[in-house]
């Protein structure tokens, strides 16, 4: 994936998670100027973004994490939901 179709703040494109959840304070800063005490947090954010090495040539595509090849299949999703440690009370 080349990142051209990713939503920077909302999508999980970094192994640590999505940027909005990891840096909610920075996300809220994008509409105003920084205070001096926020610079350390912004530096941490920029270092996290800078360490990302997952860009690859090619168009972005959806990837289902329940399959090694990223392809969604109903039988695989059933197996994921049917695992005893992940069962919810409404699952049959």
C-alpha atoms as a PDB file:
ATOM      1  CA  UNK A   1       0.000   0.000   0.000  1.00  0.00           C
ATOM      2  CA  UNK A   2       1.253   3.435  -0.828  1.00  0.00           C
ATOM      3  CA  UNK A   3      -0.827   5.344   1.731  1.00  0.00           C
ATOM      4  CA  UNK A   4      -2.678   7.455  -0.821  1.00  0.00           C
ATOM      5  CA  UNK A   5      -6.130   6.306   0.334  1.00  0.00           C
ATOM      6  CA  UNK A   6      -5.482   6.111   4.076  1.00  0.00           C
ATOM      7  CA  UNK A   7      -7.115   8.487   6.500  1.00  0.00           C
ATOM      8  CA  UNK A   8      -4.073   9.561   8.479  1.00  0.00           C
ATOM      9  CA  UNK A   9      -5.767  10.059  11.854  1.00  0.00           C
ATOM     10  CA  UNK A  10      -8.560   7.451  11.693  1.00  0.00           C
ATOM     11  CA  UNK A  11      -7.157   4.364   9.913  1.00  0.00           C
ATOM     12  CA  UNK A  12      -4.880   1.827  11.577  1.00  0.00           C
ATOM     13  CA  UNK A  13      -1.858   2.099   9.311  1.00  0.00           C
ATOM     14  CA  UNK A  14       0.798   1.945  12.043  1.00  0.00           C
ATOM     15  CA  UNK A  15       1.490  -1.186  14.092  1.00  0.00           C
ATOM     16  CA  UNK A  16       0.857   0.792  17.294  1.00  0.00           C
ATOM     17  CA  UNK A  17      -2.716   1.700  16.281  1.00  0.00           C
ATOM     18  CA  UNK A  18      -4.525   4.691  14.832  1.00  0.00           C
ATOM     19  CA  UNK A  19      -3.093   8.127  15.465  1.00  0.00           C
ATOM     20  CA  UNK A  20      -6.326   9.604  16.821  1.00  0.00           C
ATOM     21  CA  UNK A  21      -6.389   7.060  19.675  1.00  0.00           C
ATOM     22  CA  UNK A  22      -2.634   7.114  20.288  1.00  0.00           C
ATOM     23  CA  UNK A  23      -2.373  10.908  20.282  1.00  0.00           C
ATOM     24  CA  UNK A  24      -5.823  12.373  21.085  1.00  0.00           C
ATOM     25  CA  UNK A  25      -4.203  15.476  22.509  1.00  0.00           C
ATOM     26  CA  UNK A  26      -2.287  16.089  19.266  1.00  0.00           C
ATOM     27  CA  UNK A  27      -5.382  15.366  17.180  1.00  0.00           C
ATOM     28  CA  UNK A  28      -7.193  18.139  19.041  1.00  0.00           C
ATOM     29  CA  UNK A  29      -4.307  20.560  18.382  1.00  0.00           C
ATOM     30  CA  UNK A  30      -4.702  20.637  14.619  1.00  0.00           C
ATOM     31  CA  UNK A  31      -7.175  23.507  14.815  1.00  0.00           C
ATOM     32  CA  UNK A  32      -5.060  25.867  16.926  1.00  0.00           C
ATOM     33  CA  UNK A  33      -1.501  26.999  17.705  1.00  0.00           C
ATOM     34  CA  UNK A  34       0.697  24.984  20.092  1.00  0.00           C
ATOM     35  CA  UNK A  35       1.482  25.923  23.677  1.00  0.00           C
ATOM     36  CA  UNK A  36       5.089  25.547  24.862  1.00  0.00           C
ATOM     37  CA  UNK A  37       4.256  22.596  27.115  1.00  0.00           C
ATOM     38  CA  UNK A  38       2.758  20.646  24.165  1.00  0.00           C
ATOM     39  CA  UNK A  39       5.990  20.544  22.155  1.00  0.00           C
ATOM     40  CA  UNK A  40       7.291  17.382  23.879  1.00  0.00           C
ATOM     41  CA  UNK A  41       4.107  15.499  23.003  1.00  0.00           C
ATOM     42  CA  UNK A  42       4.227  16.699  19.397  1.00  0.00           C
ATOM     43  CA  UNK A  43       7.836  15.509  19.196  1.00  0.00           C
ATOM     44  CA  UNK A  44       6.769  12.060  20.443  1.00  0.00           C
ATOM     45  CA  UNK A  45       4.019  11.994  17.821  1.00  0.00           C
ATOM     46  CA  UNK A  46       6.393  12.966  15.008  1.00  0.00           C
ATOM     47  CA  UNK A  47       8.908  10.317  16.114  1.00  0.00           C
ATOM     48  CA  UNK A  48       6.159   7.664  16.046  1.00  0.00           C
ATOM     49  CA  UNK A  49       5.105   8.660  12.538  1.00  0.00           C
ATOM     50  CA  UNK A  50       8.719   8.818  11.416  1.00  0.00           C
ATOM     51  CA  UNK A  51       9.419   5.204  12.466  1.00  0.00           C
ATOM     52  CA  UNK A  52       6.713   3.806  10.169  1.00  0.00           C
ATOM     53  CA  UNK A  53       8.258   1.676   7.437  1.00  0.00           C
ATOM     54  CA  UNK A  54       5.137  -0.010   6.062  1.00  0.00           C
ATOM     55  CA  UNK A  55       4.699   1.919   2.828  1.00  0.00           C
ATOM     56  CA  UNK A  56       5.001  -0.240  -0.246  1.00  0.00           C
ATOM     57  CA  UNK A  57       4.544   0.431  -3.942  1.00  0.00           C
ATOM     58  CA  UNK A  58       1.029  -0.172  -5.219  1.00  0.00           C
ATOM     59  CA  UNK A  59      -2.507   0.981  -4.631  1.00  0.00           C
ATOM     60  CA  UNK A  60      -4.056   0.742  -1.155  1.00  0.00           C
ATOM     61  CA  UNK A  61      -6.500  -2.102  -0.591  1.00  0.00           C
ATOM     62  CA  UNK A  62      -8.627  -3.467   2.224  1.00  0.00           C
ATOM     63  CA  UNK A  63      -6.957  -6.135   4.381  1.00  0.00           C
ATOM     64  CA  UNK A  64      -8.926  -8.384   6.699  1.00  0.00           C
ATOM     65  CA  UNK A  65      -6.766  -9.294   9.693  1.00  0.00           C
ATOM     66  CA  UNK A  66      -8.586 -12.602  10.239  1.00  0.00           C
ATOM     67  CA  UNK A  67      -6.726 -14.198   7.303  1.00  0.00           C
ATOM     68  CA  UNK A  68      -3.010 -14.412   6.494  1.00  0.00           C
ATOM     69  CA  UNK A  69      -3.676 -13.259   2.930  1.00  0.00           C
ATOM     70  CA  UNK A  70      -6.051 -10.460   3.992  1.00  0.00           C
ATOM     71  CA  UNK A  71      -9.026 -11.981   2.176  1.00  0.00           C
ATOM     72  CA  UNK A  72     -12.402 -12.043   3.952  1.00  0.00           C
ATOM     73  CA  UNK A  73     -14.122 -15.437   3.985  1.00  0.00           C
ATOM     74  CA  UNK A  74     -17.296 -16.254   5.884  1.00  0.00           C
ATOM     75  CA  UNK A  75     -15.974 -19.574   7.225  1.00  0.00           C
ATOM     76  CA  UNK A  76     -12.824 -17.856   8.571  1.00  0.00           C
ATOM     77  CA  UNK A  77     -14.888 -15.139  10.229  1.00  0.00           C
ATOM     78  CA  UNK A  78     -17.084 -17.786  11.843  1.00  0.00           C
ATOM     79  CA  UNK A  79     -13.997 -19.520  13.231  1.00  0.00           C
ATOM     80  CA  UNK A  80     -12.692 -16.227  14.635  1.00  0.00           C
ATOM     81  CA  UNK A  81     -16.030 -15.454  16.314  1.00  0.00           C
ATOM     82  CA  UNK A  82     -16.459 -19.036  17.537  1.00  0.00           C
ATOM     83  CA  UNK A  83     -13.253 -19.054  19.574  1.00  0.00           C
ATOM     84  CA  UNK A  84     -14.189 -19.605  23.206  1.00  0.00           C
ATOM     85  CA  UNK A  85     -11.994 -16.798  24.546  1.00  0.00           C
ATOM     86  CA  UNK A  86     -13.614 -14.233  22.242  1.00  0.00           C
ATOM     87  CA  UNK A  87     -17.228 -15.319  22.524  1.00  0.00           C
ATOM     88  CA  UNK A  88     -19.814 -12.729  23.402  1.00  0.00           C
ATOM     89  CA  UNK A  89     -23.047 -13.475  25.219  1.00  0.00           C
ATOM     90  CA  UNK A  90     -25.201 -12.864  22.109  1.00  0.00           C
ATOM     91  CA  UNK A  91     -23.243 -15.268  19.884  1.00  0.00           C
ATOM     92  CA  UNK A  92     -25.235 -18.492  19.271  1.00  0.00           C
END
